[in-house]
Amino acid sequence: MALHRCGLATAGLEALRLEHPGLSWHTLGGHFQDSLAFWASVGTGVPGGYQQRDTCQHVPEG
């Protein structure tokens, strides 16, 4: 069963934002060229959007 383009990731990110208002969100790893539209879409209305940033200092490397 393929679950691509069903809105699951978008719904999951929205649920997390609603449960944790006021947090700053960032993504790890690279934003692939074919996923830029997704990140722009789910970042609409999110302060700072979902931009790739350096890993937070409290997250251990490895």
C-alpha atoms as a PDB file:
ATOM      1  CA  MET A   1       0.000   0.000   0.000  1.00  0.00           C
ATOM      2  CA  ALA A   2       1.479   3.345  -1.049  1.00  0.00           C
ATOM      3  CA  LEU A   3       0.815   6.304   1.228  1.00  0.00           C
ATOM      4  CA  HIS A   4       2.513   8.960  -0.882  1.00  0.00           C
ATOM      5  CA  ARG A   5       0.632  12.241  -1.291  1.00  0.00           C
ATOM      6  CA  CYS A   6      -2.084  11.377   1.251  1.00  0.00           C
ATOM      7  CA  GLY A   7      -1.290  14.333   3.502  1.00  0.00           C
ATOM      8  CA  LEU A   8      -0.050  12.200   6.415  1.00  0.00           C
ATOM      9  CA  ALA A   9       3.179  14.136   6.967  1.00  0.00           C
ATOM     10  CA  THR A  10       1.367  17.465   6.706  1.00  0.00           C
ATOM     11  CA  ALA A  11      -1.277  16.348   9.215  1.00  0.00           C
ATOM     12  CA  GLY A  12       1.374  15.007  11.588  1.00  0.00           C
ATOM     13  CA  LEU A  13       3.376  18.224  11.544  1.00  0.00           C
ATOM     14  CA  GLU A  14       0.219  20.279  12.103  1.00  0.00           C
ATOM     15  CA  ALA A  15      -0.789  18.103  15.073  1.00  0.00           C
ATOM     16  CA  LEU A  16       2.639  18.563  16.644  1.00  0.00           C
ATOM     17  CA  ARG A  17       2.478  22.334  16.228  1.00  0.00           C
ATOM     18  CA  LEU A  18      -0.979  22.429  17.853  1.00  0.00           C
ATOM     19  CA  GLU A  19       0.156  20.291  20.790  1.00  0.00           C
ATOM     20  CA  HIS A  20       3.316  22.336  21.334  1.00  0.00           C
ATOM     21  CA  PRO A  21       2.583  26.001  20.583  1.00  0.00           C
ATOM     22  CA  GLY A  22       5.449  28.434  20.804  1.00  0.00           C
ATOM     23  CA  LEU A  23       8.180  25.937  19.930  1.00  0.00           C
ATOM     24  CA  SER A  24      10.629  26.589  17.131  1.00  0.00           C
ATOM     25  CA  TRP A  25      10.796  23.744  14.620  1.00  0.00           C
ATOM     26  CA  HIS A  26      13.696  22.784  12.413  1.00  0.00           C
ATOM     27  CA  THR A  27      14.556  19.886  10.167  1.00  0.00           C
ATOM     28  CA  LEU A  28      17.646  17.724  10.101  1.00  0.00           C
ATOM     29  CA  GLY A  29      19.432  16.510   7.017  1.00  0.00           C
ATOM     30  CA  GLY A  30      19.173  17.865   3.527  1.00  0.00           C
ATOM     31  CA  HIS A  31      16.079  19.215   1.877  1.00  0.00           C
ATOM     32  CA  PHE A  32      16.043  17.423  -1.429  1.00  0.00           C
ATOM     33  CA  GLN A  33      15.186  19.498  -4.485  1.00  0.00           C
ATOM     34  CA  ASP A  34      11.986  17.515  -5.065  1.00  0.00           C
ATOM     35  CA  SER A  35      10.791  18.134  -1.478  1.00  0.00           C
ATOM     36  CA  LEU A  36      11.200  21.935  -1.429  1.00  0.00           C
ATOM     37  CA  ALA A  37       7.553  22.484  -2.410  1.00  0.00           C
ATOM     38  CA  PHE A  38       6.435  20.233   0.468  1.00  0.00           C
ATOM     39  CA  TRP A  39       8.486  22.137   3.063  1.00  0.00           C
ATOM     40  CA  ALA A  40       7.260  25.468   1.690  1.00  0.00           C
ATOM     41  CA  SER A  41       3.653  24.252   1.862  1.00  0.00           C
ATOM     42  CA  VAL A  42       3.749  22.843   5.408  1.00  0.00           C
ATOM     43  CA  GLY A  43       5.729  25.873   6.570  1.00  0.00           C
ATOM     44  CA  THR A  44       2.989  28.311   5.585  1.00  0.00           C
ATOM     45  CA  GLY A  45       1.933  30.181   8.709  1.00  0.00           C
ATOM     46  CA  VAL A  46       4.776  28.701  10.775  1.00  0.00           C
ATOM     47  CA  PRO A  47       7.064  31.406  12.192  1.00  0.00           C
ATOM     48  CA  GLY A  48      10.387  30.889  10.424  1.00  0.00           C
ATOM     49  CA  GLY A  49       8.921  28.090   8.318  1.00  0.00           C
ATOM     50  CA  TYR A  50      10.650  24.732   8.172  1.00  0.00           C
ATOM     51  CA  GLN A  51      14.165  25.690   7.253  1.00  0.00           C
ATOM     52  CA  GLN A  52      17.134  23.400   7.425  1.00  0.00           C
ATOM     53  CA  ARG A  53      19.267  24.545  10.324  1.00  0.00           C
ATOM     54  CA  ASP A  54      22.207  23.285  12.320  1.00  0.00           C
ATOM     55  CA  THR A  55      21.437  20.647  14.932  1.00  0.00           C
ATOM     56  CA  CYS A  56      20.477  22.035  18.362  1.00  0.00           C
ATOM     57  CA  GLN A  57      23.252  21.949  20.935  1.00  0.00           C
ATOM     58  CA  HIS A  58      21.233  19.651  23.222  1.00  0.00           C
ATOM     59  CA  VAL A  59      21.030  16.910  20.556  1.00  0.00           C
ATOM     60  CA  PRO A  60      23.997  14.530  20.782  1.00  0.00           C
ATOM     61  CA  GLU A  61      25.967  13.855  17.624  1.00  0.00           C
ATOM     62  CA  GLY A  62      26.099  10.384  16.219  1.00  0.00           C
END
